[in-house]
Protein backbone atom coordinates (compact mmCIF):
# COMPACT_ATOMS: atom_id res chain seq x y z
CA THR A 1 51.23 2.55 0.21
CA ASP A 2 49.97 5.56 2.08
CA GLU A 3 49.98 7.50 -1.18
CA VAL A 4 47.80 4.91 -3.00
CA SER A 5 45.49 4.70 -0.03
CA GLU A 6 45.07 8.46 0.07
CA ASP A 7 44.79 9.01 -3.69
CA VAL A 8 42.79 5.93 -4.73
CA TYR A 9 40.92 4.45 -1.77
CA ARG A 10 40.13 7.63 0.15
CA GLN A 11 39.49 9.97 -2.70
CA ARG A 12 38.06 13.21 -1.40
CA ASP A 13 34.65 13.60 -2.97
CA SER A 14 32.41 16.38 -1.65
CA SER A 15 29.25 14.60 -2.83
CA ALA A 16 30.27 11.51 -0.85
CA LEU A 17 30.56 13.66 2.27
CA GLU A 18 27.06 15.04 1.73
CA LEU A 19 25.63 11.54 1.15
CA ALA A 20 27.42 10.23 4.23
CA ALA A 21 25.98 13.06 6.34
CA GLU A 22 22.45 12.24 5.14
CA THR A 23 22.97 8.54 5.90
CA ILE A 24 24.35 9.30 9.36
CA ILE A 25 21.46 11.63 10.20
CA GLU A 26 18.94 9.06 8.93
CA GLY A 27 20.61 6.34 11.04
CA GLN A 28 20.55 8.56 14.12
CA HIS A 29 16.87 9.32 13.54
CA ASP A 30 16.08 5.60 13.19
CA ALA A 31 18.04 4.83 16.36
CA LEU A 32 16.21 7.55 18.29
CA THR A 33 12.82 6.34 17.04
CA HIS A 34 13.69 2.77 18.04
CA ALA A 35 14.92 3.91 21.47
CA LYS A 36 11.73 5.86 22.12
CA ALA A 37 9.61 2.86 21.12
CA THR A 38 11.53 0.34 23.21
CA VAL A 39 12.62 2.34 26.23
CA LEU A 40 9.90 4.84 26.95
CA VAL A 41 7.12 3.08 28.81
CA ARG A 42 3.85 4.87 29.28
CA SER A 43 3.11 5.34 32.94
CA LEU A 44 0.57 6.79 35.29
CA SER A 45 1.61 8.46 38.53
CA ALA A 46 -0.53 8.35 41.66
CA ALA A 47 -1.72 11.85 40.75
CA ASP A 48 -2.63 10.65 37.23
CA VAL A 49 -4.60 7.75 38.69
CA ALA A 50 -6.48 10.08 41.05
CA ALA A 51 -7.21 12.49 38.19
CA ALA A 52 -8.35 9.63 35.96
CA ARG A 53 -10.78 8.41 38.58
CA LYS A 54 -12.39 11.88 38.63
CA ASN A 55 -12.19 12.64 34.90
CA PRO A 56 -10.70 9.92 32.70
CA GLU A 57 -10.86 11.75 29.34
CA PRO A 58 -7.73 13.96 29.72
CA VAL A 59 -5.64 11.11 31.14
CA ALA A 60 -6.75 8.74 28.39
CA ALA A 61 -5.88 11.39 25.79
CA LYS A 62 -2.44 11.85 27.40
CA LEU A 63 -1.82 8.09 27.07
CA GLY A 64 -3.34 7.94 23.60
CA ILE A 65 -5.86 5.28 24.55
CA PRO A 66 -9.68 5.06 24.70
CA VAL A 67 -11.37 5.95 27.99
CA VAL A 68 -12.75 2.41 28.30
CA THR A 69 -9.19 1.04 28.13
CA LEU A 70 -8.08 3.44 30.85
CA ILE A 71 -10.97 2.32 33.05
CA LEU A 72 -9.91 -1.31 32.56
CA ILE A 73 -6.31 -0.41 33.46
CA LEU A 74 -7.44 1.32 36.65
CA ALA A 75 -9.55 -1.72 37.56
CA GLY A 76 -6.55 -4.03 37.06
CA GLN A 77 -8.38 -5.89 34.30
CA LEU A 78 -5.49 -5.58 31.80
CA ASP A 79 -2.68 -6.53 34.18
CA THR A 80 0.18 -8.79 33.25
CA ALA A 81 2.86 -9.84 35.71
CA THR A 82 4.63 -6.50 35.31
CA SER A 83 2.29 -3.90 33.79
CA ALA A 84 -1.02 -3.39 32.06
CA CYS A 85 -1.31 -4.48 28.43
CA ILE A 86 -3.65 -2.35 26.37
CA ASP A 87 -3.82 -4.69 23.35
CA PHE A 88 -2.78 -8.31 23.94
CA LEU A 89 -4.11 -9.37 20.54
CA ASN A 90 -2.17 -6.74 18.57
CA SER A 91 1.33 -7.15 19.88
CA PRO A 92 4.32 -5.70 18.06
CA PHE A 93 5.98 -9.07 18.78
CA ALA A 94 3.30 -11.19 17.06
CA ASP A 95 3.68 -12.34 13.46
CA ALA A 96 0.22 -11.06 12.52
CA ALA A 97 -2.47 -8.77 13.91
CA GLY A 98 -5.04 -10.55 16.00
CA GLU A 99 -2.63 -13.15 17.35
CA PRO A 100 -1.98 -13.35 21.09
CA CYS A 101 1.26 -11.78 22.23
CA PRO A 102 4.02 -14.40 22.14
CA ALA A 103 6.60 -12.33 24.04
CA SER A 104 8.09 -13.12 27.40
CA PHE A 105 6.86 -11.01 30.30
CA MET A 106 10.43 -9.68 30.44
CA VAL A 107 9.71 -7.82 27.21
CA CYS A 108 6.52 -6.12 28.42
CA LEU A 109 8.46 -3.04 29.51
CA ALA A 110 9.77 -2.65 25.94
CA CYS A 111 6.32 -2.86 24.41
CA SER A 112 4.24 0.01 23.09
CA ASN A 113 1.17 -1.69 24.58
CA SER A 114 2.52 -1.48 28.13
CA VAL A 115 1.29 0.97 30.77
CA ILE A 116 2.76 1.16 34.28
CA THR A 117 0.71 2.28 37.28
CA PRO A 118 1.67 2.60 40.94
CA GLN A 119 -0.15 -0.69 41.55
CA HIS A 120 2.50 -2.46 39.44
CA LEU A 121 5.42 -1.19 41.49
CA PRO A 122 5.45 -4.01 44.11
CA ARG A 123 5.76 -6.68 41.39
CA LEU A 124 8.32 -4.64 39.47
CA VAL A 125 10.45 -4.31 42.59
CA ALA A 126 9.98 -8.03 43.32
CA LEU A 127 11.13 -8.77 39.77
CA LYS A 128 14.21 -6.59 40.19
CA ASP A 129 15.02 -8.36 43.46
CA ALA A 130 14.56 -11.76 41.79
CA LEU A 131 16.85 -10.73 38.94
CA ASP A 132 19.42 -9.49 41.45
CA ASN A 133 19.39 -13.04 42.83
CA VAL A 134 19.67 -14.55 39.34
CA ALA A 135 22.70 -12.34 38.67
CA THR A 136 24.55 -14.03 41.51
CA ILE A 137 24.14 -17.54 40.10
CA VAL A 138 24.31 -17.34 36.30
CA PRO A 139 27.52 -16.94 34.34
CA ALA A 140 28.22 -13.40 33.14
CA SER A 141 27.80 -14.42 29.50
CA ARG A 142 24.34 -15.82 30.21
CA TRP A 143 23.40 -12.69 32.18
CA THR A 144 24.48 -10.47 29.30
CA LEU A 145 22.62 -12.55 26.73
CA SER A 146 19.38 -13.18 28.63
CA TYR A 147 18.95 -10.64 31.39
CA ALA A 148 21.09 -7.50 31.05
CA GLU A 149 18.83 -5.56 28.70
CA PRO A 150 15.53 -6.33 30.47
CA TYR A 151 17.21 -5.65 33.84
CA ALA A 152 18.48 -2.26 32.69
CA ARG A 153 15.05 -1.37 31.31
CA LEU A 154 13.34 -2.55 34.51
CA SER A 155 15.73 -0.56 36.70
CA SER A 156 15.12 2.52 34.58
CA VAL A 157 11.34 2.12 34.72
CA ILE A 158 11.39 1.74 38.50
CA HIS A 159 13.66 4.69 39.12
CA ASP A 160 11.90 6.92 36.58
CA ASN A 161 8.48 6.25 38.13
CA ALA A 162 9.12 6.05 41.87
CA THR A 163 11.11 7.70 44.61
CA SER A 164 13.43 5.75 46.89
CA ALA A 165 10.77 5.85 49.59
CA GLU A 166 8.11 4.55 47.20
CA ILE A 167 10.43 1.75 46.08
CA ALA A 168 11.07 0.75 49.70
CA ALA A 169 7.32 0.85 50.41
CA ALA A 170 6.63 -1.25 47.31
CA ARG A 171 9.21 -3.82 48.43
CA ARG A 172 7.45 -4.08 51.82
CA SER A 173 3.98 -4.24 50.26
CA ALA A 174 4.80 -6.96 47.72
CA THR A 175 2.77 -9.98 48.74
CA ASP A 176 3.90 -13.58 48.84
CA ALA A 177 1.63 -14.12 45.83
CA ASP A 178 3.48 -11.33 43.94
CA ARG A 179 6.86 -12.87 44.73
CA THR A 180 5.66 -16.39 43.89
CA LEU A 181 4.27 -15.26 40.54
CA ILE A 182 7.53 -13.53 39.64
CA GLU A 183 9.60 -16.53 40.71
CA GLN A 184 7.40 -18.93 38.72
CA LEU A 185 7.83 -16.83 35.61
C-alpha cells in the first residue's frame, strides 16, 4: 500500500540524504573528469604554431609536453590520420605501458595523447565528409553503435578549432591522398 511504501520502504532518514548527496556529488565529479579526459582535445591554433616556431617553451608548457615533442609535432613527425600522437607507446587504450596503441584512429580525438594542429584540419574535414557519406548507407542502429560518438566528437573538434571559412578552405585543400587515406581507414 501507499502507507507501507511511505513508512517502510521510503523511510525518511536524514543521514541517508547526506550520504546520497555525497554520492551524487562524487558521481558528478567523476563524470566531469571523464568528460574532460575524453572530450577536450589539446589543440594548437595558427597563432600557437607561429609562436611555437619562434619560442617553443611557453607553448610546450601550455600543452604540458616537452619542447622536443612539440618540435616533432610541428614537423609532422608524430602525425596519425587525424592528429598528432605524443606517446604512441603509452596509450590509455593499451593493456600495459610500452605497448603500441591498439585503438582505432576514430578514437584518437578522445585520447589524452592527441594534439590537433591546423595542418590536421583538411584530414579532419575529409573524415567528417566521409562519415556523412557513411551515415547515408548504414542502418541507424549501426550508426549509433559504431559512429555516432566519434562523429559528434569530430564535429565538436572541428567547430571548436576552426571558423566556417577555415573549414571550407580545409575542405578545398584536402588532397586526394588525404581523402584516400581516410577512405582506406
